[in-house]
């Protein structure tokens, strides 16, 4: 007989996130975590800014739906819903001209569930309000696991990111390219062991985690000059970039490639990039392009992880 452990809910969210603005919002804004919320509500979310200004106040997260021009705001609350946060939600939605409004809370009180339902029934069909509860669980002595449960949403909300009227011809091409790339790449055993599948998007880039919160691998279609980019994207960590730069010769020798090292001193991020000229609209060449992406991504992950 197999001994089964008991699933235990962690009632106090502040055991994991002590502070909403300082702990929960930065956690939620990371790619791997916002994807959990994206999956729950059926919208792929691209983070634009945290603590984004709305007059004298700040909305926790300002974002957009991947591949469209729909604006998203996310307001977080590690406690039960209250009138104050509901008022902020409406104020921020107005200030940001938001199309999708997401209220993430510990517990939704009945009067606030009713308020969100009323808003969905009495606003334009292009506007959607979501009320989501945060649930934390552990099994035995395991680390906590998070789940987002949708409590209220628009009745007729489409939960799949599809090729729709928001997408122009260029976006359609990007979507098809990424969908084909993933279908091809994840047949490669080595690739599937090192990277997690992502939803295809209309963006010119696609991000892949390498197990570090400081950086990730990004691949990009540069349609204007018919090129592909693969890069190590370092977010707000110039010390990490400089430490890697000090090992430039060793890194490039191990990878077998020469990179373009872009510190970008006036920006928060830094990039370590390699580019290849291709013909993106020639589908007959896609498999060879995919082979190049797979090879470079695997080499980069293997080598750069040694220095992180």
C-alpha atoms as a PDB file:
ATOM      1  CA  UNK A   1       0.000   0.000   0.000  1.00  0.00           C
ATOM      2  CA  UNK A   2       1.169   3.525  -0.845  1.00  0.00           C
ATOM      3  CA  UNK A   3       1.203   5.954   2.073  1.00  0.00           C
ATOM      4  CA  UNK A   4      -0.612   9.103   0.963  1.00  0.00           C
ATOM      5  CA  UNK A   5       0.176  12.474   2.502  1.00  0.00           C
ATOM      6  CA  UNK A   6      -2.434  15.004   3.532  1.00  0.00           C
ATOM      7  CA  UNK A   7      -2.978  18.165   1.513  1.00  0.00           C
ATOM      8  CA  UNK A   8      -2.970  21.127   3.915  1.00  0.00           C
ATOM      9  CA  UNK A   9      -4.126  24.637   3.100  1.00  0.00           C
ATOM     10  CA  UNK A  10      -1.988  27.504   4.432  1.00  0.00           C
ATOM     11  CA  UNK A  11      -4.528  30.042   5.646  1.00  0.00           C
ATOM     12  CA  UNK A  12      -2.129  32.874   6.442  1.00  0.00           C
ATOM     13  CA  UNK A  13      -0.716  34.121   3.137  1.00  0.00           C
ATOM     14  CA  UNK A  14       1.762  36.320   4.987  1.00  0.00           C
ATOM     15  CA  UNK A  15       3.697  33.209   5.985  1.00  0.00           C
ATOM     16  CA  UNK A  16       4.941  33.322   2.391  1.00  0.00           C
ATOM     17  CA  UNK A  17       4.558  36.996   1.402  1.00  0.00           C
ATOM     18  CA  UNK A  18       4.945  39.366   4.333  1.00  0.00           C
ATOM     19  CA  UNK A  19       4.143  42.531   2.395  1.00  0.00           C
ATOM     20  CA  UNK A  20       1.885  43.072  -0.626  1.00  0.00           C
ATOM     21  CA  UNK A  21       3.970  45.693  -2.439  1.00  0.00           C
ATOM     22  CA  UNK A  22       7.433  44.532  -1.378  1.00  0.00           C
ATOM     23  CA  UNK A  23       6.945  40.760  -1.559  1.00  0.00           C
ATOM     24  CA  UNK A  24       3.812  39.593  -3.384  1.00  0.00           C
ATOM     25  CA  UNK A  25       3.779  42.040  -6.312  1.00  0.00           C
ATOM     26  CA  UNK A  26       7.451  41.410  -7.304  1.00  0.00           C
ATOM     27  CA  UNK A  27       6.830  37.660  -6.972  1.00  0.00           C
ATOM     28  CA  UNK A  28       3.712  37.763  -9.160  1.00  0.00           C
ATOM     29  CA  UNK A  29       5.466  39.890 -11.790  1.00  0.00           C
ATOM     30  CA  UNK A  30       8.038  37.175 -12.549  1.00  0.00           C
ATOM     31  CA  UNK A  31       7.424  35.208 -15.756  1.00  0.00           C
ATOM     32  CA  UNK A  32       6.898  31.804 -14.148  1.00  0.00           C
ATOM     33  CA  UNK A  33       4.417  33.206 -11.611  1.00  0.00           C
ATOM     34  CA  UNK A  34       2.336  35.496 -13.800  1.00  0.00           C
ATOM     35  CA  UNK A  35       1.901  32.496 -16.106  1.00  0.00           C
ATOM     36  CA  UNK A  36       0.001  30.760 -13.259  1.00  0.00           C
ATOM     37  CA  UNK A  37      -2.485  33.626 -13.157  1.00  0.00           C
ATOM     38  CA  UNK A  38      -2.590  33.684 -16.976  1.00  0.00           C
ATOM     39  CA  UNK A  39      -3.535  30.008 -17.040  1.00  0.00           C
ATOM     40  CA  UNK A  40      -6.244  30.520 -14.420  1.00  0.00           C
ATOM     41  CA  UNK A  41      -8.069  33.319 -16.263  1.00  0.00           C
ATOM     42  CA  UNK A  42      -7.222  32.235 -19.814  1.00  0.00           C
ATOM     43  CA  UNK A  43      -5.310  35.338 -20.892  1.00  0.00           C
ATOM     44  CA  UNK A  44      -1.588  35.442 -21.620  1.00  0.00           C
ATOM     45  CA  UNK A  45      -0.258  38.426 -19.668  1.00  0.00           C
ATOM     46  CA  UNK A  46       2.809  40.503 -20.502  1.00  0.00           C
ATOM     47  CA  UNK A  47       4.014  42.661 -17.599  1.00  0.00           C
ATOM     48  CA  UNK A  48       4.676  46.276 -18.552  1.00  0.00           C
ATOM     49  CA  UNK A  49       5.273  47.915 -15.167  1.00  0.00           C
ATOM     50  CA  UNK A  50       4.905  47.330 -11.424  1.00  0.00           C
ATOM     51  CA  UNK A  51       3.763  50.087  -9.047  1.00  0.00           C
ATOM     52  CA  UNK A  52       2.594  52.038 -12.080  1.00  0.00           C
ATOM     53  CA  UNK A  53       1.553  55.633 -11.464  1.00  0.00           C
ATOM     54  CA  UNK A  54      -2.108  56.650 -11.601  1.00  0.00           C
ATOM     55  CA  UNK A  55      -2.185  60.285 -10.488  1.00  0.00           C
ATOM     56  CA  UNK A  56      -0.997  60.348  -6.871  1.00  0.00           C
ATOM     57  CA  UNK A  57      -1.438  56.582  -6.509  1.00  0.00           C
ATOM     58  CA  UNK A  58       0.094  53.408  -7.945  1.00  0.00           C
ATOM     59  CA  UNK A  59      -1.579  50.316  -9.386  1.00  0.00           C
ATOM     60  CA  UNK A  60       0.245  47.138  -8.362  1.00  0.00           C
ATOM     61  CA  UNK A  61       0.760  45.781 -11.890  1.00  0.00           C
ATOM     62  CA  UNK A  62       0.115  47.360 -15.284  1.00  0.00           C
ATOM     63  CA  UNK A  63       0.242  44.835 -18.125  1.00  0.00           C
ATOM     64  CA  UNK A  64      -1.149  43.942 -21.537  1.00  0.00           C
ATOM     65  CA  UNK A  65      -2.642  40.882 -23.193  1.00  0.00           C
ATOM     66  CA  UNK A  66       0.105  39.213 -25.184  1.00  0.00           C
ATOM     67  CA  UNK A  67      -0.340  39.903 -28.868  1.00  0.00           C
ATOM     68  CA  UNK A  68      -3.128  42.497 -28.545  1.00  0.00           C
ATOM     69  CA  UNK A  69      -3.502  46.095 -27.452  1.00  0.00           C
ATOM     70  CA  UNK A  70      -5.789  45.284 -24.508  1.00  0.00           C
ATOM     71  CA  UNK A  71      -4.585  46.895 -21.299  1.00  0.00           C
ATOM     72  CA  UNK A  72      -4.606  44.989 -18.007  1.00  0.00           C
ATOM     73  CA  UNK A  73      -4.396  46.168 -14.423  1.00  0.00           C
ATOM     74  CA  UNK A  74      -3.860  43.837 -11.462  1.00  0.00           C
ATOM     75  CA  UNK A  75      -4.598  44.916  -7.907  1.00  0.00           C
ATOM     76  CA  UNK A  76      -3.350  42.624  -5.132  1.00  0.00           C
ATOM     77  CA  UNK A  77      -4.721  42.165  -1.630  1.00  0.00           C
ATOM     78  CA  UNK A  78      -3.361  39.618   0.868  1.00  0.00           C
ATOM     79  CA  UNK A  79      -6.485  40.022   2.994  1.00  0.00           C
ATOM     80  CA  UNK A  80     -10.247  39.796   2.507  1.00  0.00           C
ATOM     81  CA  UNK A  81     -11.757  42.151  -0.055  1.00  0.00           C
ATOM     82  CA  UNK A  82     -12.838  45.572   1.188  1.00  0.00           C
ATOM     83  CA  UNK A  83     -14.493  48.737  -0.120  1.00  0.00           C
ATOM     84  CA  UNK A  84     -11.186  50.630  -0.190  1.00  0.00           C
ATOM     85  CA  UNK A  85      -9.571  48.238  -2.675  1.00  0.00           C
ATOM     86  CA  UNK A  86     -12.741  48.052  -4.772  1.00  0.00           C
ATOM     87  CA  UNK A  87     -12.657  51.847  -5.075  1.00  0.00           C
ATOM     88  CA  UNK A  88      -8.978  51.744  -6.016  1.00  0.00           C
ATOM     89  CA  UNK A  89      -9.705  49.102  -8.633  1.00  0.00           C
ATOM     90  CA  UNK A  90     -12.263  51.343 -10.373  1.00  0.00           C
ATOM     91  CA  UNK A  91      -9.985  54.396 -10.095  1.00  0.00           C
ATOM     92  CA  UNK A  92      -7.000  52.558 -11.570  1.00  0.00           C
ATOM     93  CA  UNK A  93      -9.093  51.019 -14.344  1.00  0.00           C
ATOM     94  CA  UNK A  94     -10.255  54.487 -15.342  1.00  0.00           C
ATOM     95  CA  UNK A  95      -6.797  56.056 -15.053  1.00  0.00           C
ATOM     96  CA  UNK A  96      -5.169  53.364 -17.206  1.00  0.00           C
ATOM     97  CA  UNK A  97      -8.097  52.938 -19.642  1.00  0.00           C
ATOM     98  CA  UNK A  98      -7.951  49.242 -18.806  1.00  0.00           C
ATOM     99  CA  UNK A  99      -9.812  46.577 -20.772  1.00  0.00           C
ATOM    100  CA  UNK A 100      -9.106  43.754 -18.311  1.00  0.00           C
ATOM    101  CA  UNK A 101      -9.263  44.360 -14.559  1.00  0.00           C
ATOM    102  CA  UNK A 102      -7.977  41.653 -12.206  1.00  0.00           C
ATOM    103  CA  UNK A 103      -8.447  41.748  -8.420  1.00  0.00           C
ATOM    104  CA  UNK A 104      -6.276  39.132  -6.687  1.00  0.00           C
ATOM    105  CA  UNK A 105      -7.263  38.573  -3.047  1.00  0.00           C
ATOM    106  CA  UNK A 106      -7.029  36.229  -0.086  1.00  0.00           C
ATOM    107  CA  UNK A 107     -10.811  35.899   0.241  1.00  0.00           C
ATOM    108  CA  UNK A 108     -13.685  37.429  -1.710  1.00  0.00           C
ATOM    109  CA  UNK A 109     -16.520  38.667   0.501  1.00  0.00           C
ATOM    110  CA  UNK A 110     -20.006  38.070  -0.850  1.00  0.00           C
ATOM    111  CA  UNK A 111     -20.832  41.761  -1.333  1.00  0.00           C
ATOM    112  CA  UNK A 112     -17.698  42.265  -3.419  1.00  0.00           C
ATOM    113  CA  UNK A 113     -18.355  39.163  -5.502  1.00  0.00           C
ATOM    114  CA  UNK A 114     -21.762  40.664  -6.239  1.00  0.00           C
ATOM    115  CA  UNK A 115     -20.166  44.006  -7.121  1.00  0.00           C
ATOM    116  CA  UNK A 116     -17.784  42.415  -9.656  1.00  0.00           C
ATOM    117  CA  UNK A 117     -20.651  40.407 -11.142  1.00  0.00           C
ATOM    118  CA  UNK A 118     -22.695  43.615 -11.470  1.00  0.00           C
ATOM    119  CA  UNK A 119     -19.807  45.413 -13.177  1.00  0.00           C
ATOM    120  CA  UNK A 120     -19.443  42.597 -15.695  1.00  0.00           C
ATOM    121  CA  UNK A 121     -23.161  42.739 -16.460  1.00  0.00           C
ATOM    122  CA  UNK A 122     -23.343  46.521 -16.808  1.00  0.00           C
ATOM    123  CA  UNK A 123     -20.156  47.522 -18.622  1.00  0.00           C
ATOM    124  CA  UNK A 124     -19.120  47.363 -22.265  1.00  0.00           C
ATOM    125  CA  UNK A 125     -18.613  43.831 -23.612  1.00  0.00           C
ATOM    126  CA  UNK A 126     -14.969  44.656 -24.304  1.00  0.00           C
ATOM    127  CA  UNK A 127     -14.359  45.254 -20.580  1.00  0.00           C
ATOM    128  CA  UNK A 128     -13.760  42.274 -18.299  1.00  0.00           C
ATOM    129  CA  UNK A 129     -13.516  42.136 -14.487  1.00  0.00           C
ATOM    130  CA  UNK A 130     -11.894  39.139 -12.771  1.00  0.00           C
ATOM    131  CA  UNK A 131     -11.928  38.354  -9.054  1.00  0.00           C
ATOM    132  CA  UNK A 132      -9.386  35.681  -8.079  1.00  0.00           C
ATOM    133  CA  UNK A 133      -8.550  34.115  -4.722  1.00  0.00           C
ATOM    134  CA  UNK A 134      -4.996  33.076  -3.817  1.00  0.00           C
ATOM    135  CA  UNK A 135      -4.746  29.582  -2.352  1.00  0.00           C
ATOM    136  CA  UNK A 136      -1.620  28.126  -0.742  1.00  0.00           C
ATOM    137  CA  UNK A 137      -1.127  24.421  -0.071  1.00  0.00           C
ATOM    138  CA  UNK A 138       1.565  22.085   1.183  1.00  0.00           C
ATOM    139  CA  UNK A 139       1.889  18.320   1.469  1.00  0.00           C
ATOM    140  CA  UNK A 140       3.603  17.204   4.662  1.00  0.00           C
ATOM    141  CA  UNK A 141       6.832  19.173   4.976  1.00  0.00           C
ATOM    142  CA  UNK A 142       6.884  20.260   1.347  1.00  0.00           C
ATOM    143  CA  UNK A 143       7.323  23.840   0.259  1.00  0.00           C
ATOM    144  CA  UNK A 144       4.119  25.838  -0.327  1.00  0.00           C
ATOM    145  CA  UNK A 145       2.374  25.678  -3.712  1.00  0.00           C
ATOM    146  CA  UNK A 146       0.113  28.426  -5.030  1.00  0.00           C
ATOM    147  CA  UNK A 147      -3.160  28.189  -6.948  1.00  0.00           C
ATOM    148  CA  UNK A 148      -5.341  30.994  -8.293  1.00  0.00           C
ATOM    149  CA  UNK A 149      -9.077  30.318  -8.202  1.00  0.00           C
ATOM    150  CA  UNK A 150     -11.346  32.471 -10.366  1.00  0.00           C
ATOM    151  CA  UNK A 151     -14.376  33.544  -8.339  1.00  0.00           C
ATOM    152  CA  UNK A 152     -15.994  35.981 -10.793  1.00  0.00           C
ATOM    153  CA  UNK A 153     -15.430  36.609 -14.504  1.00  0.00           C
ATOM    154  CA  UNK A 154     -17.412  37.809 -17.543  1.00  0.00           C
ATOM    155  CA  UNK A 155     -20.015  35.262 -18.602  1.00  0.00           C
ATOM    156  CA  UNK A 156     -18.937  35.029 -22.232  1.00  0.00           C
ATOM    157  CA  UNK A 157     -15.184  35.345 -21.752  1.00  0.00           C
ATOM    158  CA  UNK A 158     -13.042  33.487 -24.293  1.00  0.00           C
ATOM    159  CA  UNK A 159     -10.376  31.583 -22.408  1.00  0.00           C
ATOM    160  CA  UNK A 160      -8.004  30.804 -25.258  1.00  0.00           C
ATOM    161  CA  UNK A 161      -5.567  33.215 -26.888  1.00  0.00           C
ATOM    162  CA  UNK A 162      -6.469  32.710 -30.527  1.00  0.00           C
ATOM    163  CA  UNK A 163      -5.700  34.239 -33.897  1.00  0.00           C
ATOM    164  CA  UNK A 164      -8.369  36.910 -33.774  1.00  0.00           C
ATOM    165  CA  UNK A 165      -9.276  40.320 -35.107  1.00  0.00           C
ATOM    166  CA  UNK A 166      -6.677  41.985 -32.889  1.00  0.00           C
ATOM    167  CA  UNK A 167      -3.876  40.309 -34.804  1.00  0.00           C
ATOM    168  CA  UNK A 168      -2.508  41.838 -37.986  1.00  0.00           C
ATOM    169  CA  UNK A 169      -0.612  39.971 -40.689  1.00  0.00           C
ATOM    170  CA  UNK A 170       2.778  40.389 -38.973  1.00  0.00           C
ATOM    171  CA  UNK A 171       1.398  39.167 -35.656  1.00  0.00           C
ATOM    172  CA  UNK A 172      -0.168  36.172 -37.365  1.00  0.00           C
ATOM    173  CA  UNK A 173       3.208  35.271 -38.839  1.00  0.00           C
ATOM    174  CA  UNK A 174       4.882  35.563 -35.458  1.00  0.00           C
ATOM    175  CA  UNK A 175       2.251  33.352 -33.839  1.00  0.00           C
ATOM    176  CA  UNK A 176       2.540  30.664 -36.509  1.00  0.00           C
ATOM    177  CA  UNK A 177       6.339  30.729 -36.308  1.00  0.00           C
ATOM    178  CA  UNK A 178       6.405  30.242 -32.522  1.00  0.00           C
ATOM    179  CA  UNK A 179       3.731  27.537 -32.634  1.00  0.00           C
ATOM    180  CA  UNK A 180       5.721  25.649 -35.293  1.00  0.00           C
ATOM    181  CA  UNK A 181       8.994  26.154 -33.415  1.00  0.00           C
ATOM    182  CA  UNK A 182       7.634  24.645 -30.218  1.00  0.00           C
ATOM    183  CA  UNK A 183       6.010  21.736 -32.013  1.00  0.00           C
ATOM    184  CA  UNK A 184       9.393  21.013 -33.616  1.00  0.00           C
ATOM    185  CA  UNK A 185      11.643  21.771 -30.627  1.00  0.00           C
ATOM    186  CA  UNK A 186       9.830  19.691 -28.035  1.00  0.00           C
ATOM    187  CA  UNK A 187      10.288  16.577 -30.131  1.00  0.00           C
ATOM    188  CA  UNK A 188      13.979  16.979 -29.250  1.00  0.00           C
ATOM    189  CA  UNK A 189      14.525  15.072 -25.990  1.00  0.00           C
ATOM    190  CA  UNK A 190      17.425  17.233 -24.860  1.00  0.00           C
ATOM    191  CA  UNK A 191      15.486  20.427 -25.470  1.00  0.00           C
ATOM    192  CA  UNK A 192      12.379  19.164 -23.678  1.00  0.00           C
ATOM    193  CA  UNK A 193      14.502  18.239 -20.635  1.00  0.00           C
ATOM    194  CA  UNK A 194      15.972  21.745 -20.410  1.00  0.00           C
ATOM    195  CA  UNK A 195      13.062  24.036 -21.255  1.00  0.00           C
ATOM    196  CA  UNK A 196       9.363  24.302 -20.474  1.00  0.00           C
ATOM    197  CA  UNK A 197       6.763  24.737 -23.186  1.00  0.00           C
ATOM    198  CA  UNK A 198       5.323  28.251 -23.506  1.00  0.00           C
ATOM    199  CA  UNK A 199       2.113  29.436 -25.120  1.00  0.00           C
ATOM    200  CA  UNK A 200       2.702  30.756 -28.652  1.00  0.00           C
ATOM    201  CA  UNK A 201       2.179  34.509 -28.789  1.00  0.00           C
ATOM    202  CA  UNK A 202       1.898  37.369 -31.261  1.00  0.00           C
ATOM    203  CA  UNK A 203       5.017  39.040 -29.819  1.00  0.00           C
ATOM    204  CA  UNK A 204       8.296  39.087 -31.717  1.00  0.00           C
ATOM    205  CA  UNK A 205       9.996  37.446 -28.724  1.00  0.00           C
ATOM    206  CA  UNK A 206       9.541  34.363 -26.550  1.00  0.00           C
ATOM    207  CA  UNK A 207      11.137  33.871 -23.116  1.00  0.00           C
ATOM    208  CA  UNK A 208      12.442  30.628 -21.612  1.00  0.00           C
ATOM    209  CA  UNK A 209      13.458  30.154 -17.977  1.00  0.00           C
ATOM    210  CA  UNK A 210      16.886  28.745 -17.124  1.00  0.00           C
ATOM    211  CA  UNK A 211      16.240  28.406 -13.401  1.00  0.00           C
ATOM    212  CA  UNK A 212      17.356  31.877 -12.312  1.00  0.00           C
ATOM    213  CA  UNK A 213      15.237  34.851 -11.252  1.00  0.00           C
ATOM    214  CA  UNK A 214      17.994  37.204 -12.423  1.00  0.00           C
ATOM    215  CA  UNK A 215      17.960  36.264 -16.098  1.00  0.00           C
ATOM    216  CA  UNK A 216      16.385  34.144 -18.804  1.00  0.00           C
ATOM    217  CA  UNK A 217      16.929  33.150 -22.419  1.00  0.00           C
ATOM    218  CA  UNK A 218      14.924  35.106 -24.984  1.00  0.00           C
ATOM    219  CA  UNK A 219      14.530  34.269 -28.665  1.00  0.00           C
ATOM    220  CA  UNK A 220      13.333  36.918 -31.108  1.00  0.00           C
ATOM    221  CA  UNK A 221      12.123  37.273 -34.673  1.00  0.00           C
ATOM    222  CA  UNK A 222      13.495  40.492 -36.193  1.00  0.00           C
ATOM    223  CA  UNK A 223      11.238  40.741 -39.237  1.00  0.00           C
ATOM    224  CA  UNK A 224      12.538  44.141 -40.405  1.00  0.00           C
ATOM    225  CA  UNK A 225      16.003  42.754 -41.108  1.00  0.00           C
ATOM    226  CA  UNK A 226      15.136  39.055 -41.534  1.00  0.00           C
ATOM    227  CA  UNK A 227      17.051  37.779 -38.513  1.00  0.00           C
ATOM    228  CA  UNK A 228      16.772  35.625 -35.409  1.00  0.00           C
ATOM    229  CA  UNK A 229      18.207  36.641 -32.035  1.00  0.00           C
ATOM    230  CA  UNK A 230      19.012  34.419 -29.069  1.00  0.00           C
ATOM    231  CA  UNK A 231      20.076  36.229 -25.933  1.00  0.00           C
ATOM    232  CA  UNK A 232      20.658  36.004 -22.220  1.00  0.00           C
ATOM    233  CA  UNK A 233      18.406  38.766 -20.898  1.00  0.00           C
ATOM    234  CA  UNK A 234      19.569  40.050 -17.509  1.00  0.00           C
ATOM    235  CA  UNK A 235      16.961  42.013 -15.593  1.00  0.00           C
ATOM    236  CA  UNK A 236      18.202  44.828 -13.317  1.00  0.00           C
ATOM    237  CA  UNK A 237      21.520  43.227 -12.350  1.00  0.00           C
ATOM    238  CA  UNK A 238      24.543  45.068 -13.746  1.00  0.00           C
ATOM    239  CA  UNK A 239      26.816  43.219 -11.305  1.00  0.00           C
ATOM    240  CA  UNK A 240      25.821  39.908 -12.871  1.00  0.00           C
ATOM    241  CA  UNK A 241      26.444  41.259 -16.368  1.00  0.00           C
ATOM    242  CA  UNK A 242      29.899  42.524 -15.385  1.00  0.00           C
ATOM    243  CA  UNK A 243      30.818  39.256 -13.685  1.00  0.00           C
ATOM    244  CA  UNK A 244      29.871  37.383 -16.862  1.00  0.00           C
ATOM    245  CA  UNK A 245      31.776  39.908 -18.968  1.00  0.00           C
ATOM    246  CA  UNK A 246      34.915  39.189 -16.945  1.00  0.00           C
ATOM    247  CA  UNK A 247      34.578  35.574 -18.109  1.00  0.00           C
ATOM    248  CA  UNK A 248      33.780  36.531 -21.714  1.00  0.00           C
ATOM    249  CA  UNK A 249      36.648  34.599 -23.278  1.00  0.00           C
ATOM    250  CA  UNK A 250      35.958  31.398 -21.334  1.00  0.00           C
ATOM    251  CA  UNK A 251      32.212  31.593 -21.986  1.00  0.00           C
ATOM    252  CA  UNK A 252      32.572  32.152 -25.710  1.00  0.00           C
ATOM    253  CA  UNK A 253      35.173  29.379 -25.984  1.00  0.00           C
ATOM    254  CA  UNK A 254      32.882  26.923 -24.175  1.00  0.00           C
ATOM    255  CA  UNK A 255      29.814  27.855 -26.219  1.00  0.00           C
ATOM    256  CA  UNK A 256      31.791  28.069 -29.439  1.00  0.00           C
ATOM    257  CA  UNK A 257      30.082  31.333 -30.384  1.00  0.00           C
ATOM    258  CA  UNK A 258      30.910  35.056 -30.288  1.00  0.00           C
ATOM    259  CA  UNK A 259      28.300  37.205 -28.531  1.00  0.00           C
ATOM    260  CA  UNK A 260      27.370  40.865 -28.704  1.00  0.00           C
ATOM    261  CA  UNK A 261      27.732  42.050 -25.090  1.00  0.00           C
ATOM    262  CA  UNK A 262      25.317  44.917 -24.447  1.00  0.00           C
ATOM    263  CA  UNK A 263      25.506  46.404 -20.979  1.00  0.00           C
ATOM    264  CA  UNK A 264      22.947  49.142 -21.839  1.00  0.00           C
ATOM    265  CA  UNK A 265      24.175  51.458 -19.036  1.00  0.00           C
ATOM    266  CA  UNK A 266      21.212  53.848 -19.224  1.00  0.00           C
ATOM    267  CA  UNK A 267      18.717  50.990 -18.932  1.00  0.00           C
ATOM    268  CA  UNK A 268      17.949  48.555 -16.121  1.00  0.00           C
ATOM    269  CA  UNK A 269      18.412  45.440 -18.259  1.00  0.00           C
ATOM    270  CA  UNK A 270      21.496  44.052 -20.008  1.00  0.00           C
ATOM    271  CA  UNK A 271      21.700  41.636 -22.931  1.00  0.00           C
ATOM    272  CA  UNK A 272      24.183  39.087 -24.270  1.00  0.00           C
ATOM    273  CA  UNK A 273      23.087  38.445 -27.850  1.00  0.00           C
ATOM    274  CA  UNK A 274      23.857  36.351 -30.917  1.00  0.00           C
ATOM    275  CA  UNK A 275      22.080  36.984 -34.216  1.00  0.00           C
ATOM    276  CA  UNK A 276      21.615  34.985 -37.425  1.00  0.00           C
ATOM    277  CA  UNK A 277      20.383  36.245 -40.790  1.00  0.00           C
ATOM    278  CA  UNK A 278      17.485  34.109 -42.089  1.00  0.00           C
ATOM    279  CA  UNK A 279      14.473  34.278 -44.375  1.00  0.00           C
ATOM    280  CA  UNK A 280      11.609  34.255 -41.917  1.00  0.00           C
ATOM    281  CA  UNK A 281       8.752  34.043 -44.425  1.00  0.00           C
ATOM    282  CA  UNK A 282      10.198  30.970 -46.189  1.00  0.00           C
ATOM    283  CA  UNK A 283       8.561  28.047 -44.393  1.00  0.00           C
ATOM    284  CA  UNK A 284      10.828  25.592 -46.217  1.00  0.00           C
ATOM    285  CA  UNK A 285      13.717  27.013 -44.190  1.00  0.00           C
ATOM    286  CA  UNK A 286      11.978  26.937 -40.815  1.00  0.00           C
ATOM    287  CA  UNK A 287      13.286  23.519 -39.759  1.00  0.00           C
ATOM    288  CA  UNK A 288      16.920  24.597 -40.268  1.00  0.00           C
ATOM    289  CA  UNK A 289      16.201  27.832 -38.392  1.00  0.00           C
ATOM    290  CA  UNK A 290      14.639  25.843 -35.547  1.00  0.00           C
ATOM    291  CA  UNK A 291      17.706  23.566 -35.434  1.00  0.00           C
ATOM    292  CA  UNK A 292      19.920  26.634 -35.015  1.00  0.00           C
ATOM    293  CA  UNK A 293      17.708  28.027 -32.218  1.00  0.00           C
ATOM    294  CA  UNK A 294      17.681  24.691 -30.386  1.00  0.00           C
ATOM    295  CA  UNK A 295      21.462  24.282 -30.660  1.00  0.00           C
ATOM    296  CA  UNK A 296      22.245  27.804 -29.449  1.00  0.00           C
ATOM    297  CA  UNK A 297      19.716  27.742 -26.605  1.00  0.00           C
ATOM    298  CA  UNK A 298      21.034  24.431 -25.249  1.00  0.00           C
ATOM    299  CA  UNK A 299      24.655  25.597 -25.419  1.00  0.00           C
ATOM    300  CA  UNK A 300      23.853  28.911 -23.754  1.00  0.00           C
ATOM    301  CA  UNK A 301      21.922  27.345 -20.893  1.00  0.00           C
ATOM    302  CA  UNK A 302      24.625  24.755 -20.237  1.00  0.00           C
ATOM    303  CA  UNK A 303      27.465  27.288 -20.111  1.00  0.00           C
ATOM    304  CA  UNK A 304      25.849  30.368 -18.551  1.00  0.00           C
ATOM    305  CA  UNK A 305      24.350  28.370 -15.664  1.00  0.00           C
ATOM    306  CA  UNK A 306      27.912  27.621 -14.495  1.00  0.00           C
ATOM    307  CA  UNK A 307      28.446  31.332 -13.857  1.00  0.00           C
ATOM    308  CA  UNK A 308      25.114  32.260 -12.249  1.00  0.00           C
END
